[in-house]
Amino acid sequence: MEQSFLIISEYGIHARPATRLVNLAMSFHSDIDLTAMGKTVNLKSIMGLMSLGIYKGETVKVHVTGTDSDKALMAISDFIITEGLGRLA
């Protein structure tokens, strides 16, 4: 399962929301990857996520596979939207 988002936050995905997003991803058993600018990282890795340097206007894709992929994708989507980081692309 996957979903794309357009990053709308003025600061992109910076340290504080990135940490919360990684912690949320780690609460699921599924494998969760995030792709941006042609690079894919494990969303359960803060260093991987921060290495992308995602700024406003970027499109990111979240890809989830595993036993709780439905719940994981829904929770991550809700987080990105409600925190004002992005909107569905």
N, C-alpha and C. Protein backbone atom coordinates (compact mmCIF):
# COMPACT_ATOMS: atom_id res chain seq x y z
N MET A 1 0.84 -1.17 0.00
CA MET A 1 0.00 0.00 0.00
C MET A 1 0.89 1.23 0.00
N GLU A 2 0.43 2.26 -0.71
CA GLU A 2 1.22 3.48 -0.69
C GLU A 2 0.33 4.70 -0.87
N GLN A 3 0.88 5.83 -0.43
CA GLN A 3 0.17 7.10 -0.53
C GLN A 3 1.20 8.20 -0.75
N SER A 4 0.86 9.15 -1.61
CA SER A 4 1.76 10.28 -1.86
C SER A 4 1.23 11.53 -1.18
N PHE A 5 2.17 12.38 -0.77
CA PHE A 5 1.83 13.62 -0.08
C PHE A 5 2.67 14.76 -0.66
N LEU A 6 2.05 15.94 -0.74
CA LEU A 6 2.77 17.15 -1.09
C LEU A 6 3.09 17.85 0.22
N ILE A 7 4.35 18.13 0.46
CA ILE A 7 4.76 18.77 1.70
C ILE A 7 4.39 20.25 1.64
N ILE A 8 3.59 20.70 2.60
CA ILE A 8 3.11 22.08 2.61
C ILE A 8 3.63 22.89 3.79
N SER A 9 4.26 22.24 4.75
CA SER A 9 4.82 22.94 5.90
C SER A 9 5.93 23.87 5.45
N GLU A 10 5.92 25.09 5.95
CA GLU A 10 6.93 26.08 5.61
C GLU A 10 8.35 25.57 5.88
N TYR A 11 8.49 24.71 6.90
CA TYR A 11 9.80 24.21 7.30
C TYR A 11 10.08 22.79 6.80
N GLY A 12 9.20 22.25 5.97
CA GLY A 12 9.38 20.89 5.49
C GLY A 12 9.22 19.90 6.64
N ILE A 13 9.91 18.78 6.55
CA ILE A 13 9.89 17.80 7.64
C ILE A 13 11.18 18.00 8.42
N HIS A 14 11.10 18.84 9.46
CA HIS A 14 12.29 19.15 10.26
C HIS A 14 12.36 18.23 11.47
N ALA A 15 13.33 18.43 12.33
CA ALA A 15 13.68 17.48 13.39
C ALA A 15 12.53 17.05 14.29
N ARG A 16 11.77 17.98 14.82
CA ARG A 16 10.73 17.60 15.79
C ARG A 16 9.64 16.72 15.17
N PRO A 17 9.00 17.15 14.06
CA PRO A 17 7.99 16.25 13.48
C PRO A 17 8.60 14.97 12.91
N ALA A 18 9.84 15.04 12.45
CA ALA A 18 10.50 13.84 11.93
C ALA A 18 10.66 12.80 13.03
N THR A 19 11.05 13.25 14.22
CA THR A 19 11.20 12.33 15.35
C THR A 19 9.87 11.70 15.71
N ARG A 20 8.82 12.50 15.73
CA ARG A 20 7.50 11.96 16.06
C ARG A 20 7.00 11.00 14.98
N LEU A 21 7.31 11.31 13.73
CA LEU A 21 6.90 10.44 12.62
C LEU A 21 7.64 9.10 12.68
N VAL A 22 8.92 9.12 12.99
CA VAL A 22 9.70 7.89 13.13
C VAL A 22 9.18 7.06 14.30
N ASN A 23 8.89 7.72 15.42
CA ASN A 23 8.35 7.00 16.59
C ASN A 23 7.01 6.36 16.26
N LEU A 24 6.18 7.06 15.50
CA LEU A 24 4.89 6.50 15.08
C LEU A 24 5.13 5.28 14.18
N ALA A 25 6.02 5.38 13.23
CA ALA A 25 6.32 4.27 12.32
C ALA A 25 6.83 3.06 13.10
N MET A 26 7.65 3.30 14.12
CA MET A 26 8.21 2.20 14.90
C MET A 26 7.16 1.46 15.72
N SER A 27 5.98 2.06 15.88
CA SER A 27 4.93 1.40 16.66
C SER A 27 4.20 0.32 15.85
N PHE A 28 4.55 0.16 14.59
CA PHE A 28 3.92 -0.84 13.72
C PHE A 28 4.91 -1.92 13.34
N HIS A 29 4.38 -3.12 13.07
CA HIS A 29 5.21 -4.25 12.65
C HIS A 29 5.60 -4.18 11.18
N SER A 30 4.79 -3.50 10.38
CA SER A 30 5.02 -3.43 8.93
C SER A 30 6.32 -2.74 8.58
N ASP A 31 6.82 -3.05 7.38
CA ASP A 31 7.95 -2.32 6.81
C ASP A 31 7.40 -1.04 6.22
N ILE A 32 8.01 0.09 6.57
CA ILE A 32 7.51 1.39 6.12
C ILE A 32 8.67 2.17 5.50
N ASP A 33 8.53 2.51 4.23
CA ASP A 33 9.55 3.27 3.52
C ASP A 33 8.98 4.60 3.07
N LEU A 34 9.87 5.59 2.97
CA LEU A 34 9.48 6.90 2.46
C LEU A 34 10.42 7.23 1.31
N THR A 35 9.83 7.63 0.18
CA THR A 35 10.60 7.99 -1.00
C THR A 35 10.41 9.47 -1.29
N ALA A 36 11.53 10.16 -1.51
CA ALA A 36 11.50 11.57 -1.89
C ALA A 36 12.73 11.86 -2.73
N MET A 37 12.57 12.64 -3.77
CA MET A 37 13.68 13.05 -4.62
C MET A 37 14.48 11.87 -5.15
N GLY A 38 13.79 10.77 -5.44
CA GLY A 38 14.44 9.60 -6.01
C GLY A 38 15.19 8.73 -5.02
N LYS A 39 15.10 9.03 -3.73
CA LYS A 39 15.78 8.23 -2.72
C LYS A 39 14.73 7.63 -1.78
N THR A 40 14.98 6.39 -1.35
CA THR A 40 14.07 5.70 -0.46
C THR A 40 14.79 5.37 0.84
N VAL A 41 14.12 5.68 1.96
CA VAL A 41 14.69 5.38 3.28
C VAL A 41 13.66 4.65 4.12
N ASN A 42 14.15 3.94 5.12
CA ASN A 42 13.29 3.28 6.10
C ASN A 42 12.73 4.37 7.01
N LEU A 43 11.40 4.46 7.10
CA LEU A 43 10.78 5.51 7.91
C LEU A 43 10.98 5.27 9.41
N LYS A 44 11.52 4.12 9.77
CA LYS A 44 11.81 3.85 11.18
C LYS A 44 13.22 4.32 11.56
N SER A 45 13.89 5.01 10.65
CA SER A 45 15.25 5.50 10.88
C SER A 45 15.27 7.02 10.84
N ILE A 46 15.52 7.65 11.99
CA ILE A 46 15.57 9.12 12.04
C ILE A 46 16.70 9.65 11.16
N MET A 47 17.84 8.97 11.18
CA MET A 47 18.96 9.43 10.35
C MET A 47 18.61 9.33 8.86
N GLY A 48 17.93 8.26 8.49
CA GLY A 48 17.52 8.11 7.09
C GLY A 48 16.57 9.22 6.67
N LEU A 49 15.57 9.48 7.50
CA LEU A 49 14.58 10.50 7.17
C LEU A 49 15.22 11.88 7.11
N MET A 50 16.04 12.22 8.09
CA MET A 50 16.67 13.54 8.12
C MET A 50 17.67 13.71 6.97
N SER A 51 18.26 12.61 6.51
CA SER A 51 19.24 12.70 5.42
C SER A 51 18.61 13.16 4.11
N LEU A 52 17.29 13.01 3.98
CA LEU A 52 16.62 13.41 2.75
C LEU A 52 16.49 14.93 2.62
N GLY A 53 16.41 15.63 3.75
CA GLY A 53 16.26 17.08 3.69
C GLY A 53 15.02 17.49 2.92
N ILE A 54 13.86 17.08 3.42
CA ILE A 54 12.60 17.31 2.71
C ILE A 54 12.06 18.71 3.04
N TYR A 55 11.90 19.52 2.00
CA TYR A 55 11.42 20.89 2.16
C TYR A 55 10.04 21.07 1.54
N LYS A 56 9.45 22.23 1.81
CA LYS A 56 8.13 22.57 1.25
C LYS A 56 8.15 22.43 -0.26
N GLY A 57 7.08 21.84 -0.80
CA GLY A 57 6.94 21.68 -2.24
C GLY A 57 7.38 20.32 -2.76
N GLU A 58 8.07 19.55 -1.92
CA GLU A 58 8.48 18.19 -2.32
C GLU A 58 7.28 17.26 -2.26
N THR A 59 7.29 16.25 -3.11
CA THR A 59 6.30 15.18 -3.03
C THR A 59 7.00 13.96 -2.45
N VAL A 60 6.38 13.38 -1.44
CA VAL A 60 6.93 12.17 -0.82
C VAL A 60 5.92 11.04 -0.95
N LYS A 61 6.44 9.82 -1.01
CA LYS A 61 5.58 8.65 -1.11
C LYS A 61 5.88 7.73 0.07
N VAL A 62 4.83 7.34 0.79
CA VAL A 62 4.97 6.39 1.89
C VAL A 62 4.50 5.04 1.38
N HIS A 63 5.36 4.02 1.53
CA HIS A 63 5.05 2.66 1.07
C HIS A 63 5.10 1.72 2.27
N VAL A 64 4.00 1.00 2.48
CA VAL A 64 3.88 0.13 3.66
C VAL A 64 3.54 -1.29 3.23
N THR A 65 4.29 -2.27 3.77
CA THR A 65 3.98 -3.68 3.54
C THR A 65 4.06 -4.41 4.87
N GLY A 66 3.09 -5.27 5.12
CA GLY A 66 3.13 -6.06 6.35
C GLY A 66 1.74 -6.32 6.89
N THR A 67 1.73 -6.95 8.06
CA THR A 67 0.47 -7.41 8.64
C THR A 67 -0.45 -6.28 9.08
N ASP A 68 0.13 -5.16 9.51
CA ASP A 68 -0.72 -4.05 9.96
C ASP A 68 -0.58 -2.84 9.04
N SER A 69 -0.38 -3.11 7.75
CA SER A 69 -0.13 -2.04 6.80
C SER A 69 -1.29 -1.05 6.69
N ASP A 70 -2.54 -1.54 6.78
CA ASP A 70 -3.70 -0.64 6.72
C ASP A 70 -3.65 0.39 7.84
N LYS A 71 -3.48 -0.11 9.07
CA LYS A 71 -3.44 0.78 10.23
C LYS A 71 -2.25 1.72 10.17
N ALA A 72 -1.11 1.20 9.75
CA ALA A 72 0.11 2.01 9.69
C ALA A 72 -0.05 3.16 8.70
N LEU A 73 -0.53 2.86 7.50
CA LEU A 73 -0.67 3.89 6.49
C LEU A 73 -1.70 4.93 6.92
N MET A 74 -2.79 4.48 7.54
CA MET A 74 -3.81 5.40 8.00
C MET A 74 -3.24 6.34 9.09
N ALA A 75 -2.52 5.78 10.04
CA ALA A 75 -1.96 6.57 11.13
C ALA A 75 -0.93 7.57 10.62
N ILE A 76 -0.08 7.14 9.70
CA ILE A 76 0.95 8.04 9.15
C ILE A 76 0.31 9.14 8.32
N SER A 77 -0.70 8.78 7.52
CA SER A 77 -1.43 9.79 6.73
C SER A 77 -2.07 10.82 7.64
N ASP A 78 -2.75 10.33 8.68
CA ASP A 78 -3.40 11.24 9.63
C ASP A 78 -2.38 12.17 10.27
N PHE A 79 -1.22 11.63 10.64
CA PHE A 79 -0.19 12.45 11.28
C PHE A 79 0.29 13.55 10.33
N ILE A 80 0.63 13.18 9.10
CA ILE A 80 1.16 14.14 8.14
C ILE A 80 0.14 15.25 7.88
N ILE A 81 -1.13 14.89 7.76
CA ILE A 81 -2.16 15.88 7.46
C ILE A 81 -2.50 16.73 8.69
N THR A 82 -2.75 16.10 9.83
CA THR A 82 -3.18 16.87 11.01
C THR A 82 -2.06 17.74 11.58
N GLU A 83 -0.81 17.34 11.38
CA GLU A 83 0.32 18.16 11.85
C GLU A 83 0.65 19.29 10.88
N GLY A 84 -0.06 19.33 9.76
CA GLY A 84 0.17 20.39 8.79
C GLY A 84 1.45 20.22 7.99
N LEU A 85 1.97 18.99 7.97
CA LEU A 85 3.20 18.74 7.20
C LEU A 85 2.91 18.63 5.71
N GLY A 86 1.77 18.01 5.37
CA GLY A 86 1.48 17.80 3.97
C GLY A 86 0.01 17.53 3.74
N ARG A 87 -0.32 17.39 2.45
CA ARG A 87 -1.67 17.02 2.04
C ARG A 87 -1.55 15.93 1.00
N LEU A 88 -2.65 15.25 0.79
CA LEU A 88 -2.64 14.17 -0.21
C LEU A 88 -2.27 14.72 -1.57
N ALA A 89 -1.42 14.00 -2.26
CA ALA A 89 -0.98 14.46 -3.60
C ALA A 89 -1.74 13.71 -4.68
